[in-house]
């Protein structure tokens, strides 16, 4: 039996990491989801999305102009090579759960 609190969210028509249809259940607005098989409600995976608000510039640190020239250049180099933050909602983690078991013959479940 599934029960939800006021903070829970239900997401239909998703696909898990293996591409199987899934229902996503979340208690944080959909950023972290437990993926359920829509027929059996068995857990089939997990999904996590970025909570960043998109690309943004951190800007220069306070007191930048007062720093020695070499330190200023070092900070500027780091800012140029830093990877941009992920856009809000970008999938950052997705895993599919699979169960492997021995069967008595080909095609037997």
N, C-alpha and C. Protein backbone atom coordinates (compact mmCIF):
# COMPACT_ATOMS: atom_id res chain seq x y z
N UNK A 1 0.84 -1.18 0.00
CA UNK A 1 0.00 0.00 0.00
C UNK A 1 0.89 1.24 0.00
N UNK A 2 0.65 2.13 -0.93
CA UNK A 2 1.39 3.38 -1.00
C UNK A 2 0.65 4.44 -0.21
N UNK A 3 1.38 5.18 0.60
CA UNK A 3 0.77 6.32 1.29
C UNK A 3 1.67 7.52 1.10
N UNK A 4 1.08 8.70 1.05
CA UNK A 4 1.82 9.91 0.76
C UNK A 4 1.55 10.95 1.83
N UNK A 5 2.57 11.73 2.16
CA UNK A 5 2.38 12.87 3.04
C UNK A 5 2.06 14.08 2.18
N UNK A 6 1.77 15.19 2.81
CA UNK A 6 1.46 16.41 2.06
C UNK A 6 2.63 16.86 1.20
N UNK A 7 3.86 16.51 1.59
CA UNK A 7 5.05 16.93 0.84
C UNK A 7 5.42 15.95 -0.26
N UNK A 8 4.72 14.83 -0.39
CA UNK A 8 5.06 13.82 -1.39
C UNK A 8 4.59 14.24 -2.78
N UNK A 9 5.30 13.77 -3.80
CA UNK A 9 4.93 14.03 -5.19
C UNK A 9 4.94 12.72 -5.94
N UNK A 10 4.07 12.61 -6.93
CA UNK A 10 3.97 11.43 -7.77
C UNK A 10 4.18 11.87 -9.21
N UNK A 11 5.11 11.21 -9.94
CA UNK A 11 5.42 11.57 -11.31
C UNK A 11 5.14 10.37 -12.20
N UNK A 12 4.24 10.53 -13.16
CA UNK A 12 3.87 9.45 -14.05
C UNK A 12 4.65 9.56 -15.36
N UNK A 13 4.65 8.49 -16.13
CA UNK A 13 5.23 8.44 -17.48
C UNK A 13 6.71 8.78 -17.49
N UNK A 14 7.45 8.24 -16.56
CA UNK A 14 8.91 8.38 -16.55
C UNK A 14 9.54 7.14 -17.17
N UNK A 15 10.82 7.21 -17.41
CA UNK A 15 11.58 6.03 -17.84
C UNK A 15 12.81 5.93 -16.94
N UNK A 16 13.08 4.73 -16.47
CA UNK A 16 14.26 4.50 -15.63
C UNK A 16 15.52 4.44 -16.45
N UNK A 17 16.64 4.18 -15.79
CA UNK A 17 17.94 4.11 -16.46
C UNK A 17 17.97 3.04 -17.55
N UNK A 18 17.20 1.96 -17.37
CA UNK A 18 17.16 0.89 -18.35
C UNK A 18 16.11 1.15 -19.43
N UNK A 19 15.41 2.29 -19.35
CA UNK A 19 14.41 2.64 -20.34
C UNK A 19 13.03 2.09 -20.07
N UNK A 20 12.86 1.38 -18.95
CA UNK A 20 11.56 0.80 -18.62
C UNK A 20 10.62 1.90 -18.10
N UNK A 21 9.31 1.79 -18.39
CA UNK A 21 8.38 2.78 -17.86
C UNK A 21 8.38 2.75 -16.34
N UNK A 22 8.16 3.89 -15.72
CA UNK A 22 8.23 3.97 -14.27
C UNK A 22 7.33 5.07 -13.72
N UNK A 23 7.00 4.93 -12.46
CA UNK A 23 6.32 5.97 -11.69
C UNK A 23 7.36 6.49 -10.70
N UNK A 24 7.52 7.79 -10.62
CA UNK A 24 8.48 8.37 -9.69
C UNK A 24 7.78 8.87 -8.44
N UNK A 25 8.29 8.50 -7.28
CA UNK A 25 7.74 8.95 -6.00
C UNK A 25 8.82 9.77 -5.31
N UNK A 26 8.44 10.97 -4.84
CA UNK A 26 9.42 11.88 -4.27
C UNK A 26 8.81 12.63 -3.10
N UNK A 27 9.67 13.02 -2.15
CA UNK A 27 9.20 13.88 -1.06
C UNK A 27 9.92 15.22 -1.07
N UNK A 28 10.62 15.53 -2.18
CA UNK A 28 11.33 16.81 -2.26
C UNK A 28 11.05 17.55 -3.58
N UNK A 29 9.86 17.38 -4.10
CA UNK A 29 9.50 18.07 -5.33
C UNK A 29 10.01 17.43 -6.60
N UNK A 30 10.55 16.24 -6.52
CA UNK A 30 10.99 15.51 -7.70
C UNK A 30 12.47 15.49 -7.94
N UNK A 31 13.26 16.10 -7.07
CA UNK A 31 14.70 16.09 -7.29
C UNK A 31 15.31 14.72 -7.01
N UNK A 32 14.80 14.02 -6.02
CA UNK A 32 15.21 12.64 -5.74
C UNK A 32 13.96 11.78 -5.85
N UNK A 33 14.01 10.76 -6.72
CA UNK A 33 12.82 9.94 -6.96
C UNK A 33 13.14 8.47 -6.80
N UNK A 34 12.21 7.76 -6.21
CA UNK A 34 12.23 6.32 -6.16
C UNK A 34 11.36 5.87 -7.33
N UNK A 35 11.89 5.05 -8.22
CA UNK A 35 11.16 4.63 -9.42
C UNK A 35 10.47 3.29 -9.18
N UNK A 36 9.18 3.26 -9.49
CA UNK A 36 8.37 2.06 -9.27
C UNK A 36 7.85 1.52 -10.60
N UNK A 37 7.76 0.20 -10.70
CA UNK A 37 7.13 -0.45 -11.85
C UNK A 37 5.65 -0.07 -11.81
N UNK A 38 5.08 0.46 -12.91
CA UNK A 38 3.68 0.89 -12.88
C UNK A 38 2.67 -0.25 -12.73
N UNK A 39 3.07 -1.48 -13.01
CA UNK A 39 2.13 -2.60 -12.88
C UNK A 39 2.21 -3.26 -11.50
N UNK A 40 3.43 -3.46 -10.99
CA UNK A 40 3.59 -4.19 -9.73
C UNK A 40 3.95 -3.29 -8.54
N UNK A 41 4.32 -2.03 -8.80
CA UNK A 41 4.79 -1.08 -7.78
C UNK A 41 6.09 -1.54 -7.12
N UNK A 42 6.79 -2.48 -7.75
CA UNK A 42 8.09 -2.92 -7.26
C UNK A 42 9.12 -1.82 -7.57
N UNK A 43 10.04 -1.59 -6.65
CA UNK A 43 11.09 -0.59 -6.86
C UNK A 43 12.01 -1.07 -7.98
N UNK A 44 12.18 -0.22 -9.02
CA UNK A 44 13.02 -0.60 -10.15
C UNK A 44 14.20 0.34 -10.34
N UNK A 45 14.30 1.40 -9.54
CA UNK A 45 15.44 2.29 -9.70
C UNK A 45 15.34 3.55 -8.89
N UNK A 46 16.33 4.42 -9.10
CA UNK A 46 16.40 5.72 -8.45
C UNK A 46 16.80 6.75 -9.48
N UNK A 47 16.40 8.00 -9.23
CA UNK A 47 16.73 9.09 -10.13
C UNK A 47 16.99 10.33 -9.27
N UNK A 48 18.04 11.07 -9.58
CA UNK A 48 18.34 12.32 -8.87
C UNK A 48 18.55 13.42 -9.91
N UNK A 49 17.99 14.58 -9.65
CA UNK A 49 18.11 15.72 -10.56
C UNK A 49 18.85 16.86 -9.86
N UNK A 50 19.49 17.71 -10.66
CA UNK A 50 20.21 18.86 -10.14
C UNK A 50 19.24 19.86 -9.53
N UNK A 51 19.65 20.51 -8.45
CA UNK A 51 18.84 21.56 -7.84
C UNK A 51 19.39 22.94 -8.13
N UNK A 52 20.43 23.03 -8.97
CA UNK A 52 21.02 24.33 -9.33
C UNK A 52 19.99 25.16 -10.08
N UNK A 53 20.19 26.45 -10.07
CA UNK A 53 19.29 27.36 -10.78
C UNK A 53 19.84 27.78 -12.12
N UNK A 54 20.71 26.97 -12.70
CA UNK A 54 21.25 27.26 -14.02
C UNK A 54 22.59 27.96 -13.96
N UNK A 55 23.18 28.17 -15.12
CA UNK A 55 24.49 28.81 -15.16
C UNK A 55 24.45 30.20 -14.51
N UNK A 56 25.42 30.45 -13.68
CA UNK A 56 25.50 31.77 -13.05
C UNK A 56 26.97 32.07 -12.78
N UNK A 57 27.28 33.31 -12.72
CA UNK A 57 28.65 33.72 -12.46
C UNK A 57 28.81 34.01 -10.98
N UNK A 58 29.82 33.43 -10.39
CA UNK A 58 30.07 33.68 -8.98
C UNK A 58 30.62 35.09 -8.78
N UNK A 59 31.15 35.67 -9.83
CA UNK A 59 31.74 36.99 -9.72
C UNK A 59 33.09 36.94 -9.03
N UNK A 60 33.70 38.07 -8.96
CA UNK A 60 35.02 38.16 -8.33
C UNK A 60 34.86 38.23 -6.81
N UNK A 61 35.80 37.64 -6.08
CA UNK A 61 35.72 37.69 -4.62
C UNK A 61 35.91 39.11 -4.09
N UNK A 62 35.38 39.36 -2.91
CA UNK A 62 35.57 40.67 -2.28
C UNK A 62 37.06 40.93 -2.08
N UNK A 63 37.44 42.15 -2.29
CA UNK A 63 38.84 42.52 -2.09
C UNK A 63 39.76 42.07 -3.22
N UNK A 64 39.17 41.66 -4.35
CA UNK A 64 39.97 41.16 -5.48
C UNK A 64 41.00 42.19 -5.93
N UNK A 65 40.60 43.45 -6.02
CA UNK A 65 41.49 44.50 -6.52
C UNK A 65 42.69 44.72 -5.60
N UNK A 66 42.55 44.37 -4.33
CA UNK A 66 43.64 44.59 -3.38
C UNK A 66 44.63 43.42 -3.34
N UNK A 67 44.31 42.33 -4.00
CA UNK A 67 45.18 41.15 -4.00
C UNK A 67 46.39 41.39 -4.89
N UNK A 68 47.50 40.69 -4.62
CA UNK A 68 48.67 40.79 -5.50
C UNK A 68 48.30 40.33 -6.92
N UNK A 69 48.95 40.87 -7.90
CA UNK A 69 48.67 40.58 -9.32
C UNK A 69 48.72 39.08 -9.61
N UNK A 70 49.70 38.36 -9.08
CA UNK A 70 49.84 36.92 -9.33
C UNK A 70 48.62 36.16 -8.79
N UNK A 71 48.13 36.57 -7.64
CA UNK A 71 46.97 35.90 -7.05
C UNK A 71 45.70 36.22 -7.86
N UNK A 72 45.59 37.44 -8.35
CA UNK A 72 44.46 37.81 -9.21
C UNK A 72 44.42 36.93 -10.46
N UNK A 73 45.60 36.75 -11.09
CA UNK A 73 45.68 35.94 -12.30
C UNK A 73 45.33 34.48 -12.01
N UNK A 74 45.76 33.97 -10.86
CA UNK A 74 45.44 32.59 -10.48
C UNK A 74 43.92 32.41 -10.32
N UNK A 75 43.27 33.37 -9.68
CA UNK A 75 41.81 33.31 -9.49
C UNK A 75 41.11 33.36 -10.84
N UNK A 76 41.55 34.24 -11.73
CA UNK A 76 40.93 34.37 -13.05
C UNK A 76 41.09 33.08 -13.86
N UNK A 77 42.27 32.44 -13.78
CA UNK A 77 42.48 31.16 -14.49
C UNK A 77 41.52 30.09 -13.98
N UNK A 78 41.36 30.01 -12.65
CA UNK A 78 40.46 29.02 -12.07
C UNK A 78 39.02 29.27 -12.49
N UNK A 79 38.63 30.53 -12.57
CA UNK A 79 37.25 30.86 -12.97
C UNK A 79 36.99 30.45 -14.42
N UNK A 80 38.00 30.58 -15.28
CA UNK A 80 37.84 30.22 -16.69
C UNK A 80 37.74 28.71 -16.89
N UNK A 81 38.43 27.93 -16.06
CA UNK A 81 38.46 26.48 -16.25
C UNK A 81 37.43 25.73 -15.40
N UNK A 82 36.75 26.43 -14.51
CA UNK A 82 35.75 25.76 -13.66
C UNK A 82 34.56 25.31 -14.51
N UNK A 83 34.08 24.08 -14.30
CA UNK A 83 32.91 23.64 -15.06
C UNK A 83 31.68 24.43 -14.65
N UNK A 84 30.79 24.72 -15.59
CA UNK A 84 29.59 25.48 -15.24
C UNK A 84 28.65 24.62 -14.39
N UNK A 85 27.86 25.23 -13.52
CA UNK A 85 26.90 24.45 -12.74
C UNK A 85 25.85 23.84 -13.66
N UNK A 86 25.28 22.74 -13.25
CA UNK A 86 24.24 22.08 -14.04
C UNK A 86 22.95 22.88 -13.99
N UNK A 87 22.20 22.82 -15.06
CA UNK A 87 20.89 23.49 -15.07
C UNK A 87 19.94 22.74 -14.14
N UNK A 88 19.04 23.47 -13.56
CA UNK A 88 18.05 22.89 -12.65
C UNK A 88 17.27 21.80 -13.38
N UNK A 89 17.15 20.63 -12.76
CA UNK A 89 16.39 19.53 -13.34
C UNK A 89 17.20 18.55 -14.16
N UNK A 90 18.48 18.82 -14.41
CA UNK A 90 19.34 17.91 -15.16
C UNK A 90 19.53 16.62 -14.36
N UNK A 91 19.36 15.47 -15.02
CA UNK A 91 19.55 14.19 -14.34
C UNK A 91 21.03 14.03 -14.03
N UNK A 92 21.36 13.86 -12.75
CA UNK A 92 22.75 13.69 -12.35
C UNK A 92 23.05 12.27 -11.89
N UNK A 93 22.02 11.50 -11.63
CA UNK A 93 22.20 10.13 -11.15
C UNK A 93 20.95 9.34 -11.53
N UNK A 94 21.15 8.20 -12.16
CA UNK A 94 20.04 7.33 -12.50
C UNK A 94 20.55 5.90 -12.45
N UNK A 95 19.85 5.05 -11.74
CA UNK A 95 20.27 3.66 -11.62
C UNK A 95 19.05 2.76 -11.75
N UNK A 96 19.23 1.64 -12.43
CA UNK A 96 18.16 0.64 -12.58
C UNK A 96 18.51 -0.56 -11.70
N UNK A 97 17.51 -1.07 -11.01
CA UNK A 97 17.70 -2.28 -10.21
C UNK A 97 17.26 -3.47 -11.04
N UNK A 98 18.07 -4.51 -11.08
CA UNK A 98 17.70 -5.73 -11.78
C UNK A 98 17.87 -6.90 -10.85
N UNK A 99 17.00 -7.86 -11.03
CA UNK A 99 17.10 -9.07 -10.23
C UNK A 99 17.44 -10.22 -11.18
N UNK A 100 18.46 -10.95 -10.85
CA UNK A 100 18.87 -12.10 -11.64
C UNK A 100 18.65 -13.34 -10.79
N UNK A 101 17.96 -14.32 -11.36
CA UNK A 101 17.73 -15.55 -10.61
C UNK A 101 17.79 -16.75 -11.56
N UNK A 102 18.07 -17.88 -11.00
CA UNK A 102 18.16 -19.11 -11.77
C UNK A 102 16.75 -19.59 -12.10
N UNK A 103 16.58 -20.09 -13.33
CA UNK A 103 15.28 -20.65 -13.75
C UNK A 103 15.49 -22.08 -14.24
N UNK A 104 14.39 -22.80 -14.39
CA UNK A 104 14.50 -24.21 -14.77
C UNK A 104 14.73 -24.43 -16.25
N UNK A 105 14.51 -23.40 -17.07
CA UNK A 105 14.71 -23.58 -18.52
C UNK A 105 14.57 -22.27 -19.25
N UNK A 106 14.86 -22.27 -20.58
CA UNK A 106 14.75 -21.06 -21.37
C UNK A 106 13.32 -20.52 -21.38
N UNK A 107 13.18 -19.21 -21.20
CA UNK A 107 11.86 -18.58 -21.25
C UNK A 107 11.03 -18.72 -19.98
N UNK A 108 11.52 -19.47 -19.01
CA UNK A 108 10.79 -19.66 -17.75
C UNK A 108 11.10 -18.48 -16.84
N UNK A 109 10.08 -17.93 -16.21
CA UNK A 109 10.29 -16.79 -15.31
C UNK A 109 10.19 -17.20 -13.87
